[in-house]
Amino acid sequence: MGKTLIEIDEDALAVAQDAFGTKTKKDTVNRALREVSDRVKRHEARMAAERLAAEALDLDALTDKASYRPALTADVDEQGHAA
């Protein structure tokens, strides 16, 4: 881990310390960076899952009743009883 000198918004830092329950500036900044990193990774995973689902799920095929309902035959009436 590198050491970096930065200027920090003290008000935002205080809010973050309260939210995270951290005591030091270093812990607060590192926790905030991990939170953002984790959020980005979750978002990317969700987007990848949505892409996979969209490719695997063909809504047109699911809503086409002819593809999952058998055609009526002469020996079966509309209620499914033998004629």
C-alpha atoms as a PDB file:
ATOM      1  CA  MET A   1       0.000   0.000   0.000  1.00  0.00           C
ATOM      2  CA  GLY A   2       1.358   3.396  -0.981  1.00  0.00           C
ATOM      3  CA  LYS A   3       1.520   6.514   1.115  1.00  0.00           C
ATOM      4  CA  THR A   4      -0.116   9.591  -0.434  1.00  0.00           C
ATOM      5  CA  LEU A   5      -0.526  13.136   0.804  1.00  0.00           C
ATOM      6  CA  ILE A   6      -4.006  14.464  -0.069  1.00  0.00           C
ATOM      7  CA  GLU A   7      -6.375  17.206   1.028  1.00  0.00           C
ATOM      8  CA  ILE A   8      -9.608  15.798   2.479  1.00  0.00           C
ATOM      9  CA  ASP A   9     -13.006  17.428   2.929  1.00  0.00           C
ATOM     10  CA  GLU A  10     -13.221  17.318   6.735  1.00  0.00           C
ATOM     11  CA  ASP A  11     -17.033  17.560   6.801  1.00  0.00           C
ATOM     12  CA  ALA A  12     -17.402  14.629   4.392  1.00  0.00           C
ATOM     13  CA  LEU A  13     -14.802  12.720   6.380  1.00  0.00           C
ATOM     14  CA  ALA A  14     -16.765  13.225   9.605  1.00  0.00           C
ATOM     15  CA  VAL A  15     -19.953  11.949   7.968  1.00  0.00           C
ATOM     16  CA  ALA A  16     -18.098   8.925   6.585  1.00  0.00           C
ATOM     17  CA  GLN A  17     -16.523   8.193   9.985  1.00  0.00           C
ATOM     18  CA  ASP A  18     -19.959   8.232  11.605  1.00  0.00           C
ATOM     19  CA  ALA A  19     -21.415   6.016   8.882  1.00  0.00           C
ATOM     20  CA  PHE A  20     -18.586   3.480   8.952  1.00  0.00           C
ATOM     21  CA  GLY A  21     -17.817   3.676  12.639  1.00  0.00           C
ATOM     22  CA  THR A  22     -14.133   4.215  11.892  1.00  0.00           C
ATOM     23  CA  LYS A  23     -11.784   6.160  14.136  1.00  0.00           C
ATOM     24  CA  THR A  24      -8.904   7.244  11.895  1.00  0.00           C
ATOM     25  CA  LYS A  25      -8.758   9.141   8.618  1.00  0.00           C
ATOM     26  CA  LYS A  26      -6.787   6.299   7.072  1.00  0.00           C
ATOM     27  CA  ASP A  27      -9.367   3.686   8.061  1.00  0.00           C
ATOM     28  CA  THR A  28     -12.219   5.887   6.866  1.00  0.00           C
ATOM     29  CA  VAL A  29     -10.674   6.610   3.472  1.00  0.00           C
ATOM     30  CA  ASN A  30      -9.697   2.977   2.913  1.00  0.00           C
ATOM     31  CA  ARG A  31     -13.180   1.800   3.903  1.00  0.00           C
ATOM     32  CA  ALA A  32     -14.800   4.313   1.550  1.00  0.00           C
ATOM     33  CA  LEU A  33     -12.560   3.194  -1.310  1.00  0.00           C
ATOM     34  CA  ARG A  34     -13.412  -0.467  -0.647  1.00  0.00           C
ATOM     35  CA  GLU A  35     -17.126   0.378  -0.539  1.00  0.00           C
ATOM     36  CA  VAL A  36     -16.956   2.069  -3.939  1.00  0.00           C
ATOM     37  CA  SER A  37     -14.859  -0.742  -5.385  1.00  0.00           C
ATOM     38  CA  ASP A  38     -17.296  -3.368  -4.095  1.00  0.00           C
ATOM     39  CA  ARG A  39     -20.262  -1.413  -5.444  1.00  0.00           C
ATOM     40  CA  VAL A  40     -18.677  -1.230  -8.903  1.00  0.00           C
ATOM     41  CA  LYS A  41     -17.946  -4.976  -8.858  1.00  0.00           C
ATOM     42  CA  ARG A  42     -21.534  -5.781  -7.813  1.00  0.00           C
ATOM     43  CA  HIS A  43     -22.901  -3.542 -10.551  1.00  0.00           C
ATOM     44  CA  GLU A  44     -20.677  -5.177 -13.170  1.00  0.00           C
ATOM     45  CA  ALA A  45     -21.724  -8.647 -11.979  1.00  0.00           C
ATOM     46  CA  ARG A  46     -25.399  -7.677 -12.111  1.00  0.00           C
ATOM     47  CA  MET A  47     -25.024  -6.294 -15.634  1.00  0.00           C
ATOM     48  CA  ALA A  48     -23.250  -9.478 -16.757  1.00  0.00           C
ATOM     49  CA  ALA A  49     -26.023 -11.602 -15.233  1.00  0.00           C
ATOM     50  CA  GLU A  50     -28.673  -9.510 -16.958  1.00  0.00           C
ATOM     51  CA  ARG A  51     -26.880  -9.949 -20.302  1.00  0.00           C
ATOM     52  CA  LEU A  52     -26.734 -13.717 -19.779  1.00  0.00           C
ATOM     53  CA  ALA A  53     -30.386 -13.849 -18.799  1.00  0.00           C
ATOM     54  CA  ALA A  54     -31.404 -11.795 -21.830  1.00  0.00           C
ATOM     55  CA  GLU A  55     -29.494 -14.155 -24.114  1.00  0.00           C
ATOM     56  CA  ALA A  56     -30.909 -17.267 -22.466  1.00  0.00           C
ATOM     57  CA  LEU A  57     -34.495 -16.087 -22.093  1.00  0.00           C
ATOM     58  CA  ASP A  58     -36.475 -15.619 -25.261  1.00  0.00           C
ATOM     59  CA  LEU A  59     -39.668 -13.855 -24.182  1.00  0.00           C
ATOM     60  CA  ASP A  60     -41.187 -14.127 -27.646  1.00  0.00           C
ATOM     61  CA  ALA A  61     -40.929 -17.919 -27.484  1.00  0.00           C
ATOM     62  CA  LEU A  62     -42.476 -17.942 -24.014  1.00  0.00           C
ATOM     63  CA  THR A  63     -45.435 -15.805 -25.043  1.00  0.00           C
ATOM     64  CA  ASP A  64     -46.111 -17.784 -28.231  1.00  0.00           C
ATOM     65  CA  LYS A  65     -48.948 -20.028 -27.092  1.00  0.00           C
ATOM     66  CA  ALA A  66     -48.643 -22.243 -30.131  1.00  0.00           C
ATOM     67  CA  SER A  67     -45.185 -23.313 -29.049  1.00  0.00           C
ATOM     68  CA  TYR A  68     -46.298 -24.783 -25.732  1.00  0.00           C
ATOM     69  CA  ARG A  69     -49.957 -25.723 -26.214  1.00  0.00           C
ATOM     70  CA  PRO A  70     -50.654 -28.834 -28.224  1.00  0.00           C
ATOM     71  CA  ALA A  71     -52.897 -28.402 -31.238  1.00  0.00           C
ATOM     72  CA  LEU A  72     -56.416 -29.709 -30.881  1.00  0.00           C
ATOM     73  CA  THR A  73     -57.041 -32.939 -32.708  1.00  0.00           C
ATOM     74  CA  ALA A  74     -60.298 -34.299 -33.994  1.00  0.00           C
ATOM     75  CA  ASP A  75     -60.466 -36.926 -31.235  1.00  0.00           C
ATOM     76  CA  VAL A  76     -60.081 -34.379 -28.366  1.00  0.00           C
ATOM     77  CA  ASP A  77     -62.495 -31.516 -27.663  1.00  0.00           C
ATOM     78  CA  GLU A  78     -61.576 -28.083 -26.256  1.00  0.00           C
ATOM     79  CA  GLN A  79     -61.824 -29.309 -22.637  1.00  0.00           C
ATOM     80  CA  GLY A  80     -59.417 -32.155 -23.335  1.00  0.00           C
ATOM     81  CA  HIS A  81     -62.058 -34.892 -23.332  1.00  0.00           C
ATOM     82  CA  ALA A  82     -62.006 -37.737 -25.793  1.00  0.00           C
ATOM     83  CA  ALA A  83     -64.616 -37.332 -28.512  1.00  0.00           C
END
